[in-house]
Amino acid sequence: MADWDLSQKIIPYLDRHLAFPLLAYLTETGLFPAEEVQAAQYGLARKTNMVDFAVNLFEAVYPGEEIPAGEFRLPSGDLDSGFGERLIVVWSCRVQREETRGAPDE
């Protein structure tokens, strides 16, 4: 079945975050050794802002080794700046839309 596996051809065209479920599925099917799949997941995760996930994968791939300083870039505060304000705007627009529709006739 591994001869017909297309994951190696598909993954380069996927967003990194979409490749993780596919790699997890490959681990469950047993087509590839779990260690190799975890190493591939770590290779993808270390280039993202999913620091906790990447650290967990590092510990799974390299048990007993210390995490190298500067290996993972921590997300800056800029990622969340304005999120609360955007959420309030979206919520208020939704409420206004519901108010203009009015109550359904019973």
N, C-alpha and C. Protein backbone atom coordinates (compact mmCIF):
# COMPACT_ATOMS: atom_id res chain seq x y z
N MET A 1 0.82 -1.20 0.00
CA MET A 1 0.00 0.00 0.00
C MET A 1 0.86 1.26 0.00
N ALA A 2 2.04 1.19 0.59
CA ALA A 2 2.92 2.36 0.60
C ALA A 2 3.35 2.74 -0.81
N ASP A 3 3.30 1.78 -1.74
CA ASP A 3 3.66 2.08 -3.12
C ASP A 3 2.66 3.05 -3.75
N TRP A 4 1.43 3.01 -3.29
CA TRP A 4 0.37 3.85 -3.86
C TRP A 4 0.11 5.10 -3.03
N ASP A 5 0.89 5.32 -2.00
CA ASP A 5 0.69 6.46 -1.11
C ASP A 5 1.08 7.75 -1.83
N LEU A 6 0.17 8.71 -1.86
CA LEU A 6 0.40 9.98 -2.55
C LEU A 6 0.76 11.13 -1.60
N SER A 7 0.88 10.81 -0.31
CA SER A 7 1.11 11.89 0.65
C SER A 7 2.40 12.64 0.39
N GLN A 8 3.42 11.96 -0.06
CA GLN A 8 4.70 12.63 -0.33
C GLN A 8 4.59 13.59 -1.51
N LYS A 9 3.66 13.34 -2.40
CA LYS A 9 3.47 14.24 -3.53
C LYS A 9 2.51 15.39 -3.18
N ILE A 10 1.58 15.14 -2.26
CA ILE A 10 0.57 16.13 -1.91
C ILE A 10 1.09 17.14 -0.88
N ILE A 11 1.82 16.68 0.11
CA ILE A 11 2.21 17.53 1.24
C ILE A 11 2.98 18.78 0.82
N PRO A 12 3.89 18.74 -0.16
CA PRO A 12 4.57 19.99 -0.53
C PRO A 12 3.63 21.09 -1.03
N TYR A 13 2.45 20.74 -1.48
CA TYR A 13 1.51 21.73 -1.99
C TYR A 13 0.50 22.19 -0.94
N LEU A 14 0.54 21.60 0.24
CA LEU A 14 -0.39 21.96 1.31
C LEU A 14 0.21 23.02 2.21
N ASP A 15 -0.65 23.77 2.85
CA ASP A 15 -0.23 24.63 3.93
C ASP A 15 0.29 23.74 5.05
N ARG A 16 1.28 24.22 5.77
CA ARG A 16 1.87 23.39 6.84
C ARG A 16 0.83 22.89 7.82
N HIS A 17 -0.12 23.76 8.15
CA HIS A 17 -1.12 23.39 9.16
C HIS A 17 -2.07 22.30 8.65
N LEU A 18 -2.22 22.19 7.34
CA LEU A 18 -3.06 21.13 6.78
C LEU A 18 -2.32 19.81 6.66
N ALA A 19 -1.01 19.86 6.69
CA ALA A 19 -0.22 18.64 6.57
C ALA A 19 -0.21 17.83 7.87
N PHE A 20 -0.41 18.48 9.00
CA PHE A 20 -0.35 17.77 10.28
C PHE A 20 -1.41 16.67 10.41
N PRO A 21 -2.67 16.93 10.06
CA PRO A 21 -3.65 15.84 10.15
C PRO A 21 -3.32 14.68 9.21
N LEU A 22 -2.79 15.00 8.04
CA LEU A 22 -2.41 13.95 7.10
C LEU A 22 -1.27 13.11 7.67
N LEU A 23 -0.30 13.75 8.28
CA LEU A 23 0.81 13.01 8.90
C LEU A 23 0.32 12.19 10.09
N ALA A 24 -0.62 12.73 10.85
CA ALA A 24 -1.18 11.97 11.97
C ALA A 24 -1.91 10.73 11.46
N TYR A 25 -2.60 10.87 10.35
CA TYR A 25 -3.29 9.73 9.75
C TYR A 25 -2.28 8.67 9.31
N LEU A 26 -1.17 9.10 8.73
CA LEU A 26 -0.15 8.15 8.31
C LEU A 26 0.43 7.38 9.49
N THR A 27 0.52 8.03 10.63
CA THR A 27 0.99 7.35 11.83
C THR A 27 -0.01 6.28 12.25
N GLU A 28 -1.30 6.61 12.21
CA GLU A 28 -2.34 5.67 12.62
C GLU A 28 -2.43 4.46 11.68
N THR A 29 -2.20 4.68 10.38
CA THR A 29 -2.31 3.57 9.44
C THR A 29 -1.12 2.64 9.52
N GLY A 30 0.00 3.13 10.01
CA GLY A 30 1.18 2.30 10.13
C GLY A 30 1.93 2.12 8.82
N LEU A 31 1.64 2.95 7.81
CA LEU A 31 2.36 2.87 6.54
C LEU A 31 3.83 3.23 6.70
N PHE A 32 4.09 4.15 7.58
CA PHE A 32 5.45 4.61 7.82
C PHE A 32 5.75 4.48 9.31
N PRO A 33 7.01 4.30 9.67
CA PRO A 33 7.35 4.23 11.10
C PRO A 33 6.98 5.54 11.81
N ALA A 34 6.45 5.40 13.01
CA ALA A 34 5.99 6.57 13.77
C ALA A 34 7.11 7.56 14.01
N GLU A 35 8.33 7.07 14.20
CA GLU A 35 9.47 7.97 14.45
C GLU A 35 9.74 8.86 13.24
N GLU A 36 9.62 8.30 12.04
CA GLU A 36 9.85 9.10 10.84
C GLU A 36 8.75 10.14 10.65
N VAL A 37 7.53 9.76 10.95
CA VAL A 37 6.41 10.71 10.80
C VAL A 37 6.54 11.82 11.82
N GLN A 38 6.92 11.48 13.05
CA GLN A 38 7.10 12.51 14.08
C GLN A 38 8.23 13.45 13.69
N ALA A 39 9.29 12.94 13.11
CA ALA A 39 10.39 13.79 12.66
C ALA A 39 9.92 14.73 11.56
N ALA A 40 9.06 14.25 10.66
CA ALA A 40 8.51 15.10 9.61
C ALA A 40 7.59 16.17 10.22
N GLN A 41 6.78 15.77 11.20
CA GLN A 41 5.92 16.75 11.87
C GLN A 41 6.75 17.81 12.57
N TYR A 42 7.82 17.39 13.22
CA TYR A 42 8.69 18.35 13.90
C TYR A 42 9.31 19.32 12.89
N GLY A 43 9.74 18.79 11.74
CA GLY A 43 10.32 19.64 10.71
C GLY A 43 9.36 20.71 10.23
N LEU A 44 8.08 20.37 10.17
CA LEU A 44 7.07 21.35 9.78
C LEU A 44 6.74 22.32 10.92
N ALA A 45 6.60 21.79 12.13
CA ALA A 45 6.14 22.60 13.26
C ALA A 45 7.17 23.61 13.72
N ARG A 46 8.43 23.31 13.57
CA ARG A 46 9.45 24.24 14.09
C ARG A 46 9.50 25.54 13.31
N LYS A 47 8.89 25.59 12.14
CA LYS A 47 8.87 26.81 11.34
C LYS A 47 7.57 27.58 11.50
N THR A 48 6.75 27.19 12.46
CA THR A 48 5.46 27.86 12.67
C THR A 48 5.45 28.55 14.02
N ASN A 49 4.33 29.17 14.34
CA ASN A 49 4.15 29.78 15.65
C ASN A 49 3.53 28.82 16.66
N MET A 50 3.40 27.56 16.29
CA MET A 50 2.84 26.55 17.20
C MET A 50 3.96 26.03 18.09
N VAL A 51 4.45 26.89 18.97
CA VAL A 51 5.64 26.61 19.76
C VAL A 51 5.43 25.42 20.68
N ASP A 52 4.31 25.36 21.38
CA ASP A 52 4.06 24.25 22.31
C ASP A 52 4.03 22.92 21.58
N PHE A 53 3.38 22.88 20.44
CA PHE A 53 3.30 21.66 19.64
C PHE A 53 4.70 21.26 19.16
N ALA A 54 5.48 22.23 18.71
CA ALA A 54 6.83 21.95 18.23
C ALA A 54 7.73 21.44 19.35
N VAL A 55 7.59 22.01 20.54
CA VAL A 55 8.38 21.55 21.68
C VAL A 55 8.00 20.12 22.03
N ASN A 56 6.71 19.80 22.03
CA ASN A 56 6.27 18.43 22.32
C ASN A 56 6.82 17.45 21.29
N LEU A 57 6.82 17.84 20.03
CA LEU A 57 7.38 16.98 18.99
C LEU A 57 8.89 16.83 19.12
N PHE A 58 9.57 17.92 19.49
CA PHE A 58 11.01 17.84 19.71
C PHE A 58 11.33 16.84 20.81
N GLU A 59 10.56 16.90 21.89
CA GLU A 59 10.79 15.98 23.01
C GLU A 59 10.49 14.54 22.61
N ALA A 60 9.54 14.33 21.69
CA ALA A 60 9.22 12.98 21.24
C ALA A 60 10.29 12.45 20.28
N VAL A 61 10.80 13.32 19.42
CA VAL A 61 11.79 12.90 18.43
C VAL A 61 13.17 12.76 19.05
N TYR A 62 13.51 13.66 19.96
CA TYR A 62 14.82 13.65 20.61
C TYR A 62 14.65 13.52 22.12
N PRO A 63 14.23 12.36 22.61
CA PRO A 63 14.01 12.22 24.06
C PRO A 63 15.31 12.37 24.84
N GLY A 64 15.20 13.08 25.93
CA GLY A 64 16.34 13.26 26.81
C GLY A 64 17.27 14.40 26.41
N GLU A 65 17.08 14.99 25.24
CA GLU A 65 17.93 16.10 24.84
C GLU A 65 17.31 17.42 25.28
N GLU A 66 18.19 18.38 25.54
CA GLU A 66 17.72 19.70 25.93
C GLU A 66 17.29 20.48 24.70
N ILE A 67 16.27 21.28 24.85
CA ILE A 67 15.79 22.10 23.74
C ILE A 67 16.82 23.19 23.47
N PRO A 68 17.33 23.29 22.25
CA PRO A 68 18.34 24.31 21.94
C PRO A 68 17.78 25.72 22.09
N ALA A 69 18.59 26.59 22.64
CA ALA A 69 18.16 27.99 22.80
C ALA A 69 18.00 28.62 21.42
N GLY A 70 16.93 29.31 21.23
CA GLY A 70 16.67 29.99 19.97
C GLY A 70 16.13 29.08 18.87
N GLU A 71 15.83 27.83 19.20
CA GLU A 71 15.32 26.90 18.19
C GLU A 71 13.92 27.31 17.73
N PHE A 72 13.11 27.77 18.67
CA PHE A 72 11.74 28.11 18.35
C PHE A 72 11.54 29.60 18.54
N ARG A 73 10.87 30.19 17.56
CA ARG A 73 10.59 31.62 17.69
C ARG A 73 9.24 31.78 18.37
N LEU A 74 9.25 32.51 19.44
CA LEU A 74 8.01 32.74 20.17
C LEU A 74 7.17 33.76 19.43
N PRO A 75 5.86 33.58 19.45
CA PRO A 75 5.01 34.56 18.76
C PRO A 75 5.12 35.92 19.42
N SER A 76 5.19 36.94 18.60
CA SER A 76 5.28 38.30 19.12
C SER A 76 3.89 38.78 19.51
N GLY A 77 3.85 39.87 20.23
CA GLY A 77 2.57 40.44 20.65
C GLY A 77 1.77 40.97 19.49
N ASP A 78 2.42 41.19 18.33
CA ASP A 78 1.73 41.73 17.17
C ASP A 78 0.66 40.78 16.64
N LEU A 79 0.81 39.49 16.91
CA LEU A 79 -0.15 38.54 16.38
C LEU A 79 -1.55 38.75 16.95
N ASP A 80 -1.61 39.11 18.23
CA ASP A 80 -2.90 39.26 18.87
C ASP A 80 -3.35 40.71 18.95
N SER A 81 -2.56 41.63 18.46
CA SER A 81 -2.93 43.04 18.59
C SER A 81 -4.18 43.31 17.76
N GLY A 82 -5.17 43.87 18.37
CA GLY A 82 -6.39 44.21 17.68
C GLY A 82 -7.39 43.09 17.56
N PHE A 83 -7.07 41.91 18.05
CA PHE A 83 -7.99 40.79 17.90
C PHE A 83 -9.29 41.06 18.65
N GLY A 84 -9.18 41.56 19.87
CA GLY A 84 -10.38 41.84 20.66
C GLY A 84 -11.27 42.87 20.00
N GLU A 85 -10.66 43.91 19.43
CA GLU A 85 -11.44 44.94 18.76
C GLU A 85 -12.15 44.38 17.54
N ARG A 86 -11.46 43.55 16.76
CA ARG A 86 -12.10 42.95 15.59
C ARG A 86 -13.24 42.03 15.99
N LEU A 87 -13.07 41.31 17.08
CA LEU A 87 -14.12 40.43 17.56
C LEU A 87 -15.36 41.22 17.96
N ILE A 88 -15.17 42.35 18.62
CA ILE A 88 -16.30 43.18 19.03
C ILE A 88 -17.03 43.73 17.81
N VAL A 89 -16.29 44.15 16.79
CA VAL A 89 -16.91 44.68 15.57
C VAL A 89 -17.72 43.60 14.88
N VAL A 90 -17.17 42.40 14.76
CA VAL A 90 -17.89 41.31 14.12
C VAL A 90 -19.15 40.98 14.91
N TRP A 91 -19.04 40.93 16.22
CA TRP A 91 -20.19 40.60 17.06
C TRP A 91 -21.26 41.67 16.93
N SER A 92 -20.87 42.95 16.96
CA SER A 92 -21.87 44.02 16.89
C SER A 92 -22.54 44.04 15.51
N CYS A 93 -21.81 43.74 14.45
CA CYS A 93 -22.43 43.67 13.12
C CYS A 93 -23.44 42.54 13.06
N ARG A 94 -23.12 41.44 13.68
CA ARG A 94 -24.05 40.30 13.69
C ARG A 94 -25.32 40.65 14.47
N VAL A 95 -25.16 41.31 15.60
CA VAL A 95 -26.31 41.70 16.41
C VAL A 95 -27.18 42.68 15.63
N GLN A 96 -26.57 43.65 14.95
CA GLN A 96 -27.33 44.62 14.18
C GLN A 96 -28.09 43.94 13.04
N ARG A 97 -27.47 42.97 12.41
CA ARG A 97 -28.13 42.24 11.32
C ARG A 97 -29.34 41.49 11.85
N GLU A 98 -29.21 40.88 13.02
CA GLU A 98 -30.32 40.13 13.59
C GLU A 98 -31.45 41.08 14.01
N GLU A 99 -31.08 42.27 14.49
CA GLU A 99 -32.10 43.22 14.91
C GLU A 99 -32.87 43.75 13.70
N THR A 100 -32.19 43.96 12.58
CA THR A 100 -32.89 44.49 11.40
C THR A 100 -33.80 43.44 10.78
N ARG A 101 -33.48 42.18 10.95
CA ARG A 101 -34.35 41.12 10.45
C ARG A 101 -35.65 41.05 11.22
N GLY A 102 -35.57 41.36 12.49
CA GLY A 102 -36.76 41.31 13.33
C GLY A 102 -37.06 39.89 13.79
N ALA A 103 -38.03 39.80 14.64
CA ALA A 103 -38.43 38.48 15.17
C ALA A 103 -39.21 37.73 14.11
N PRO A 104 -39.02 36.45 14.01
CA PRO A 104 -39.78 35.66 13.02
C PRO A 104 -41.26 35.65 13.40
N ASP A 105 -42.09 35.65 12.35
CA ASP A 105 -43.53 35.59 12.59
C ASP A 105 -43.91 34.21 13.11
N GLU A 106 -44.77 34.22 14.09
CA GLU A 106 -45.21 32.94 14.67
C GLU A 106 -46.61 32.65 14.28
